[in-house]
Amino acid sequence: MTHAQQMLQTNPTKALVSESTLVECIEACFDCAQACTACADACLGEEDVQMLARCIRLDLDCADVCETTGKILSRQTATEPQMLRAALSACAEACRLCAEECENHAEHGMEHCRHCAEACRRCESACNNVLSAISA
């Protein structure tokens, strides 16, 4: 059992969506934030850093959005569904953009970008799953 799951189970406020869907998204957000931060750092170590400027920027922006979304999703008391939808939509879009950029670089042998793109796609999907559950 993860800490995210333990914290949701012990919170006296019931989550708006299923625990498993919410835990998956929280963990995907924080995992993606870490992957994007590490990818930006790895890009800085590459030979042609200028060519990777957009990738680095998207990595850092995506990391910030994912971390913030993970924090917002971790809070259950007095949840505002519109805030959740806004954060989840922004996170899914940031992940989509970052994944597309990283996939381009992964095609040229940058393994760190491949791993980052995978984390971004997982987070994008998890955010969309929670969005669907909230809208249902």
C-alpha atoms as a PDB file:
ATOM      1  CA  MET A   1       0.000   0.000   0.000  1.00  0.00           C
ATOM      2  CA  THR A   2       1.383   3.381  -0.985  1.00  0.00           C
ATOM      3  CA  HIS A   3       1.394   6.499   1.140  1.00  0.00           C
ATOM      4  CA  ALA A   4      -1.083   8.175  -1.219  1.00  0.00           C
ATOM      5  CA  GLN A   5      -3.480   5.279  -0.693  1.00  0.00           C
ATOM      6  CA  GLN A   6      -2.955   5.259   3.083  1.00  0.00           C
ATOM      7  CA  MET A   7      -3.592   8.993   3.307  1.00  0.00           C
ATOM      8  CA  LEU A   8      -6.790   8.784   1.257  1.00  0.00           C
ATOM      9  CA  GLN A   9      -8.064   5.865   3.332  1.00  0.00           C
ATOM     10  CA  THR A  10      -7.459   7.673   6.603  1.00  0.00           C
ATOM     11  CA  ASN A  11      -8.911  11.005   5.493  1.00  0.00           C
ATOM     12  CA  PRO A  12     -12.380  11.466   7.033  1.00  0.00           C
ATOM     13  CA  THR A  13     -13.604  13.144   3.814  1.00  0.00           C
ATOM     14  CA  LYS A  14     -14.741  10.836   1.031  1.00  0.00           C
ATOM     15  CA  ALA A  15     -13.065  11.402  -2.355  1.00  0.00           C
ATOM     16  CA  LEU A  16     -15.159  12.474  -5.353  1.00  0.00           C
ATOM     17  CA  VAL A  17     -13.889   9.549  -7.429  1.00  0.00           C
ATOM     18  CA  SER A  18     -12.843   5.981  -6.692  1.00  0.00           C
ATOM     19  CA  GLU A  19      -9.807   5.596  -4.493  1.00  0.00           C
ATOM     20  CA  SER A  20      -7.895   3.510  -7.042  1.00  0.00           C
ATOM     21  CA  THR A  21      -8.463   6.045  -9.841  1.00  0.00           C
ATOM     22  CA  LEU A  22      -7.391   8.909  -7.605  1.00  0.00           C
ATOM     23  CA  VAL A  23      -4.322   7.104  -6.203  1.00  0.00           C
ATOM     24  CA  GLU A  24      -3.196   6.152  -9.708  1.00  0.00           C
ATOM     25  CA  CYS A  25      -3.415   9.781 -10.804  1.00  0.00           C
ATOM     26  CA  ILE A  26      -1.665  11.211  -7.749  1.00  0.00           C
ATOM     27  CA  GLU A  27       1.199   8.760  -8.164  1.00  0.00           C
ATOM     28  CA  ALA A  28       1.378   9.356 -11.930  1.00  0.00           C
ATOM     29  CA  CYS A  29       1.568  13.117 -11.330  1.00  0.00           C
ATOM     30  CA  PHE A  30       4.452  12.906  -8.880  1.00  0.00           C
ATOM     31  CA  ASP A  31       6.248  10.273 -10.978  1.00  0.00           C
ATOM     32  CA  CYS A  32       5.907  12.444 -14.069  1.00  0.00           C
ATOM     33  CA  ALA A  33       7.183  15.516 -12.212  1.00  0.00           C
ATOM     34  CA  GLN A  34      10.290  13.580 -11.236  1.00  0.00           C
ATOM     35  CA  ALA A  35      10.807  12.161 -14.736  1.00  0.00           C
ATOM     36  CA  CYS A  36      10.433  15.593 -16.345  1.00  0.00           C
ATOM     37  CA  THR A  37      12.859  17.184 -13.885  1.00  0.00           C
ATOM     38  CA  ALA A  38      15.414  14.440 -14.539  1.00  0.00           C
ATOM     39  CA  CYS A  39      14.879  14.693 -18.304  1.00  0.00           C
ATOM     40  CA  ALA A  40      15.501  18.448 -18.253  1.00  0.00           C
ATOM     41  CA  ASP A  41      18.709  17.822 -16.329  1.00  0.00           C
ATOM     42  CA  ALA A  42      19.799  15.114 -18.789  1.00  0.00           C
ATOM     43  CA  CYS A  43      19.046  17.453 -21.699  1.00  0.00           C
ATOM     44  CA  LEU A  44      21.361  20.022 -20.118  1.00  0.00           C
ATOM     45  CA  GLY A  45      24.106  17.407 -20.231  1.00  0.00           C
ATOM     46  CA  GLU A  46      23.674  16.764 -23.955  1.00  0.00           C
ATOM     47  CA  GLU A  47      26.066  18.223 -26.522  1.00  0.00           C
ATOM     48  CA  ASP A  48      23.625  20.498 -28.347  1.00  0.00           C
ATOM     49  CA  VAL A  49      21.734  22.072 -25.463  1.00  0.00           C
ATOM     50  CA  GLN A  50      20.359  24.893 -27.631  1.00  0.00           C
ATOM     51  CA  MET A  51      18.568  22.344 -29.834  1.00  0.00           C
ATOM     52  CA  LEU A  52      16.886  21.038 -26.671  1.00  0.00           C
ATOM     53  CA  ALA A  53      15.748  24.415 -25.300  1.00  0.00           C
ATOM     54  CA  ARG A  54      12.059  23.734 -26.046  1.00  0.00           C
ATOM     55  CA  CYS A  55      12.300  20.247 -24.549  1.00  0.00           C
ATOM     56  CA  ILE A  56      13.928  21.562 -21.382  1.00  0.00           C
ATOM     57  CA  ARG A  57      11.292  24.278 -21.039  1.00  0.00           C
ATOM     58  CA  LEU A  58       8.412  21.839 -21.558  1.00  0.00           C
ATOM     59  CA  ASP A  59      10.012  19.380 -19.120  1.00  0.00           C
ATOM     60  CA  LEU A  60      10.231  22.027 -16.409  1.00  0.00           C
ATOM     61  CA  ASP A  61       6.759  23.429 -17.055  1.00  0.00           C
ATOM     62  CA  CYS A  62       5.258  19.934 -17.092  1.00  0.00           C
ATOM     63  CA  ALA A  63       7.057  19.030 -13.859  1.00  0.00           C
ATOM     64  CA  ASP A  64       5.611  22.091 -12.124  1.00  0.00           C
ATOM     65  CA  VAL A  65       2.068  21.452 -13.378  1.00  0.00           C
ATOM     66  CA  CYS A  66       2.237  17.756 -12.436  1.00  0.00           C
ATOM     67  CA  GLU A  67       3.546  18.459  -8.952  1.00  0.00           C
ATOM     68  CA  THR A  68       0.851  21.053  -8.332  1.00  0.00           C
ATOM     69  CA  THR A  69      -1.873  18.755  -9.663  1.00  0.00           C
ATOM     70  CA  GLY A  70      -0.653  15.897  -7.466  1.00  0.00           C
ATOM     71  CA  LYS A  71      -0.870  18.187  -4.453  1.00  0.00           C
ATOM     72  CA  ILE A  72      -4.359  19.428  -5.349  1.00  0.00           C
ATOM     73  CA  LEU A  73      -5.576  15.853  -5.827  1.00  0.00           C
ATOM     74  CA  SER A  74      -4.109  14.868  -2.456  1.00  0.00           C
ATOM     75  CA  ARG A  75      -6.414  17.303  -0.663  1.00  0.00           C
ATOM     76  CA  GLN A  76      -9.900  15.931  -0.007  1.00  0.00           C
ATOM     77  CA  THR A  77     -11.432  18.384   2.456  1.00  0.00           C
ATOM     78  CA  ALA A  78     -13.803  20.965   0.898  1.00  0.00           C
ATOM     79  CA  THR A  79     -12.872  19.845  -2.631  1.00  0.00           C
ATOM     80  CA  GLU A  80     -13.984  22.163  -5.404  1.00  0.00           C
ATOM     81  CA  PRO A  81     -14.757  20.085  -8.524  1.00  0.00           C
ATOM     82  CA  GLN A  82     -14.124  23.028 -10.874  1.00  0.00           C
ATOM     83  CA  MET A  83     -10.625  23.461  -9.421  1.00  0.00           C
ATOM     84  CA  LEU A  84      -9.958  19.758  -9.900  1.00  0.00           C
ATOM     85  CA  ARG A  85     -11.134  19.895 -13.504  1.00  0.00           C
ATOM     86  CA  ALA A  86      -8.974  22.944 -14.230  1.00  0.00           C
ATOM     87  CA  ALA A  87      -5.867  21.372 -12.700  1.00  0.00           C
ATOM     88  CA  LEU A  88      -6.451  18.000 -14.370  1.00  0.00           C
ATOM     89  CA  SER A  89      -7.070  19.589 -17.767  1.00  0.00           C
ATOM     90  CA  ALA A  90      -3.918  21.686 -17.495  1.00  0.00           C
ATOM     91  CA  CYS A  91      -1.897  18.685 -16.385  1.00  0.00           C
ATOM     92  CA  ALA A  92      -3.171  16.441 -19.180  1.00  0.00           C
ATOM     93  CA  GLU A  93      -2.345  19.133 -21.747  1.00  0.00           C
ATOM     94  CA  ALA A  94       1.119  19.809 -20.299  1.00  0.00           C
ATOM     95  CA  CYS A  95       1.835  16.084 -20.362  1.00  0.00           C
ATOM     96  CA  ARG A  96       0.627  15.753 -23.944  1.00  0.00           C
ATOM     97  CA  LEU A  97       2.837  18.604 -25.145  1.00  0.00           C
ATOM     98  CA  CYS A  98       5.875  17.376 -23.230  1.00  0.00           C
ATOM     99  CA  ALA A  99       5.394  13.790 -24.413  1.00  0.00           C
ATOM    100  CA  GLU A 100       5.198  14.891 -28.048  1.00  0.00           C
ATOM    101  CA  GLU A 101       8.411  16.877 -27.734  1.00  0.00           C
ATOM    102  CA  CYS A 102      10.243  14.114 -25.901  1.00  0.00           C
ATOM    103  CA  GLU A 103       9.053  11.487 -28.396  1.00  0.00           C
ATOM    104  CA  ASN A 104      10.713  13.515 -31.172  1.00  0.00           C
ATOM    105  CA  HIS A 105      14.042  13.409 -29.331  1.00  0.00           C
ATOM    106  CA  ALA A 106      13.624   9.760 -28.357  1.00  0.00           C
ATOM    107  CA  GLU A 107      13.517   8.922 -32.059  1.00  0.00           C
ATOM    108  CA  HIS A 108      17.068  10.283 -32.229  1.00  0.00           C
ATOM    109  CA  GLY A 109      18.385   8.055 -29.475  1.00  0.00           C
ATOM    110  CA  MET A 110      17.808  10.131 -26.362  1.00  0.00           C
ATOM    111  CA  GLU A 111      16.685   7.454 -23.935  1.00  0.00           C
ATOM    112  CA  HIS A 112      15.953   9.920 -21.140  1.00  0.00           C
ATOM    113  CA  CYS A 113      13.384  11.551 -23.425  1.00  0.00           C
ATOM    114  CA  ARG A 114      11.810   8.171 -24.165  1.00  0.00           C
ATOM    115  CA  HIS A 115      11.380   7.476 -20.442  1.00  0.00           C
ATOM    116  CA  CYS A 116      10.022  10.965 -19.853  1.00  0.00           C
ATOM    117  CA  ALA A 117       7.515  10.625 -22.702  1.00  0.00           C
ATOM    118  CA  GLU A 118       6.275   7.348 -21.200  1.00  0.00           C
ATOM    119  CA  ALA A 119       5.766   8.999 -17.793  1.00  0.00           C
ATOM    120  CA  CYS A 120       3.972  11.918 -19.455  1.00  0.00           C
ATOM    121  CA  ARG A 121       1.625   9.633 -21.421  1.00  0.00           C
ATOM    122  CA  ARG A 122       0.820   7.669 -18.260  1.00  0.00           C
ATOM    123  CA  CYS A 123       0.045  10.878 -16.362  1.00  0.00           C
ATOM    124  CA  GLU A 124      -2.002  12.296 -19.237  1.00  0.00           C
ATOM    125  CA  SER A 125      -4.101   9.139 -19.257  1.00  0.00           C
ATOM    126  CA  ALA A 126      -4.523   9.111 -15.474  1.00  0.00           C
ATOM    127  CA  CYS A 127      -5.623  12.762 -15.456  1.00  0.00           C
ATOM    128  CA  ASN A 128      -8.127  12.073 -18.204  1.00  0.00           C
ATOM    129  CA  ASN A 129      -9.476   9.086 -16.222  1.00  0.00           C
ATOM    130  CA  VAL A 130     -10.124  11.271 -13.175  1.00  0.00           C
ATOM    131  CA  LEU A 131     -11.660  13.979 -15.370  1.00  0.00           C
ATOM    132  CA  SER A 132     -14.034  11.395 -16.843  1.00  0.00           C
ATOM    133  CA  ALA A 133     -14.961  10.135 -13.375  1.00  0.00           C
ATOM    134  CA  ILE A 134     -15.651  13.654 -12.075  1.00  0.00           C
ATOM    135  CA  SER A 135     -17.789  14.483 -15.110  1.00  0.00           C
ATOM    136  CA  ALA A 136     -19.796  11.265 -14.801  1.00  0.00           C
END
